[in-house]
C-alpha cells in the first residue's frame, strides 16, 4: 500500500475496502474490529 493511497483514505478521496483495511491494520500491528451498535433514539 502506498503513502498516496493512505493519504486518499485520510482525505476522503477514496473509501477503502475491508481487505485493504485488514492489510493496513496488519501493517500497523493492530486488530481491525468492525462492530454494529444501536443508534441513539432521536430526541423530540
N, C-alpha and C. Protein backbone atom coordinates (compact mmCIF):
# COMPACT_ATOMS: atom_id res chain seq x y z
N UNK A 1 0.84 -1.16 0.00
CA UNK A 1 0.00 0.00 0.00
C UNK A 1 0.90 1.23 0.00
N UNK A 2 0.57 2.16 -0.87
CA UNK A 2 1.42 3.34 -1.00
C UNK A 2 1.00 4.45 -0.04
N UNK A 3 1.91 5.36 0.19
CA UNK A 3 1.61 6.51 1.05
C UNK A 3 0.49 7.35 0.44
N UNK A 4 0.49 7.46 -0.89
CA UNK A 4 -0.55 8.26 -1.54
C UNK A 4 -1.93 7.61 -1.38
N UNK A 5 -1.98 6.28 -1.36
CA UNK A 5 -3.26 5.59 -1.14
C UNK A 5 -3.79 5.89 0.25
N UNK A 6 -2.91 5.83 1.25
CA UNK A 6 -3.31 6.13 2.63
C UNK A 6 -3.77 7.58 2.72
N UNK A 7 -3.08 8.48 2.06
CA UNK A 7 -3.46 9.90 2.07
C UNK A 7 -4.85 10.08 1.47
N UNK A 8 -5.18 9.35 0.41
CA UNK A 8 -6.52 9.45 -0.20
C UNK A 8 -7.59 8.97 0.77
N UNK A 9 -7.30 7.91 1.54
CA UNK A 9 -8.25 7.44 2.56
C UNK A 9 -8.47 8.52 3.60
N UNK A 10 -7.38 9.11 4.05
CA UNK A 10 -7.44 10.11 5.12
C UNK A 10 -8.22 11.36 4.71
N UNK A 11 -8.12 11.74 3.45
CA UNK A 11 -8.79 12.95 2.98
C UNK A 11 -10.19 12.67 2.44
N UNK A 12 -10.58 11.40 2.40
CA UNK A 12 -11.90 11.07 1.89
C UNK A 12 -11.96 10.96 0.38
N UNK A 13 -10.80 10.93 -0.27
CA UNK A 13 -10.75 10.81 -1.72
C UNK A 13 -11.22 9.46 -2.22
N UNK A 14 -10.96 8.42 -1.44
CA UNK A 14 -11.43 7.08 -1.75
C UNK A 14 -11.86 6.40 -0.46
N UNK A 15 -12.70 5.38 -0.62
CA UNK A 15 -13.16 4.60 0.54
C UNK A 15 -12.48 3.23 0.46
N UNK A 16 -11.70 2.87 1.47
CA UNK A 16 -11.01 1.58 1.42
C UNK A 16 -11.97 0.41 1.62
N UNK A 17 -11.66 -0.70 0.99
CA UNK A 17 -12.45 -1.92 1.17
C UNK A 17 -12.02 -2.60 2.47
N UNK A 18 -12.81 -3.56 2.93
CA UNK A 18 -12.43 -4.29 4.15
C UNK A 18 -11.09 -5.01 4.00
N UNK A 19 -10.81 -5.66 2.86
CA UNK A 19 -9.49 -6.29 2.73
C UNK A 19 -8.34 -5.28 2.83
N UNK A 20 -8.53 -4.09 2.29
CA UNK A 20 -7.50 -3.06 2.38
C UNK A 20 -7.33 -2.62 3.83
N UNK A 21 -8.44 -2.44 4.54
CA UNK A 21 -8.36 -2.08 5.96
C UNK A 21 -7.66 -3.17 6.77
N UNK A 22 -7.91 -4.43 6.42
CA UNK A 22 -7.23 -5.54 7.11
C UNK A 22 -5.72 -5.48 6.88
N UNK A 23 -5.30 -5.21 5.65
CA UNK A 23 -3.87 -5.09 5.36
C UNK A 23 -3.25 -3.92 6.11
N UNK A 24 -3.96 -2.80 6.15
CA UNK A 24 -3.46 -1.63 6.87
C UNK A 24 -3.34 -1.93 8.36
N UNK A 25 -4.33 -2.58 8.93
CA UNK A 25 -4.28 -2.93 10.35
C UNK A 25 -3.10 -3.86 10.63
N UNK A 26 -2.90 -4.84 9.77
CA UNK A 26 -1.78 -5.78 9.94
C UNK A 26 -0.45 -5.03 9.88
N UNK A 27 -0.33 -4.10 8.95
CA UNK A 27 0.91 -3.33 8.81
C UNK A 27 1.17 -2.45 10.04
N UNK A 28 0.09 -2.00 10.68
CA UNK A 28 0.22 -1.15 11.86
C UNK A 28 0.33 -1.96 13.15
N UNK A 29 0.17 -3.28 13.04
CA UNK A 29 0.26 -4.14 14.22
C UNK A 29 -0.94 -4.04 15.13
N UNK A 30 -2.11 -3.76 14.54
CA UNK A 30 -3.34 -3.66 15.33
C UNK A 30 -4.39 -4.60 14.75
N UNK A 31 -5.46 -4.79 15.50
CA UNK A 31 -6.55 -5.64 15.06
C UNK A 31 -7.66 -4.76 14.49
N UNK A 32 -8.21 -5.15 13.35
CA UNK A 32 -9.35 -4.45 12.78
C UNK A 32 -10.61 -5.03 13.40
N UNK A 33 -11.43 -4.20 14.01
CA UNK A 33 -12.68 -4.63 14.63
C UNK A 33 -13.83 -3.83 14.04
N UNK A 34 -14.76 -4.53 13.43
CA UNK A 34 -15.95 -3.89 12.88
C UNK A 34 -17.11 -4.25 13.79
N UNK A 35 -17.79 -3.25 14.31
CA UNK A 35 -18.90 -3.52 15.22
C UNK A 35 -20.16 -2.79 14.75
N UNK A 36 -21.28 -3.35 15.14
CA UNK A 36 -22.57 -2.72 14.90
C UNK A 36 -23.17 -2.41 16.26
N UNK A 37 -23.70 -1.22 16.42
CA UNK A 37 -24.33 -0.86 17.68
C UNK A 37 -25.59 -0.06 17.38
N UNK A 38 -26.56 -0.12 18.29
CA UNK A 38 -27.81 0.60 18.05
C UNK A 38 -27.59 2.11 18.02
N UNK A 39 -28.38 2.76 17.22
CA UNK A 39 -28.32 4.22 17.16
C UNK A 39 -29.07 4.78 18.36
N UNK A 40 -28.63 5.93 18.80
CA UNK A 40 -29.33 6.61 19.88
C UNK A 40 -30.69 7.08 19.38
N UNK A 41 -31.70 7.00 20.23
CA UNK A 41 -33.03 7.44 19.85
C UNK A 41 -33.03 8.96 19.66
N UNK A 42 -33.76 9.40 18.66
CA UNK A 42 -33.86 10.83 18.39
C UNK A 42 -34.64 11.51 19.51
N UNK A 43 -34.18 12.66 19.92
CA UNK A 43 -34.86 13.42 20.97
C UNK A 43 -35.94 14.30 20.33
N UNK A 44 -37.17 14.28 20.87
CA UNK A 44 -38.26 15.10 20.27
C UNK A 44 -38.04 16.58 20.50
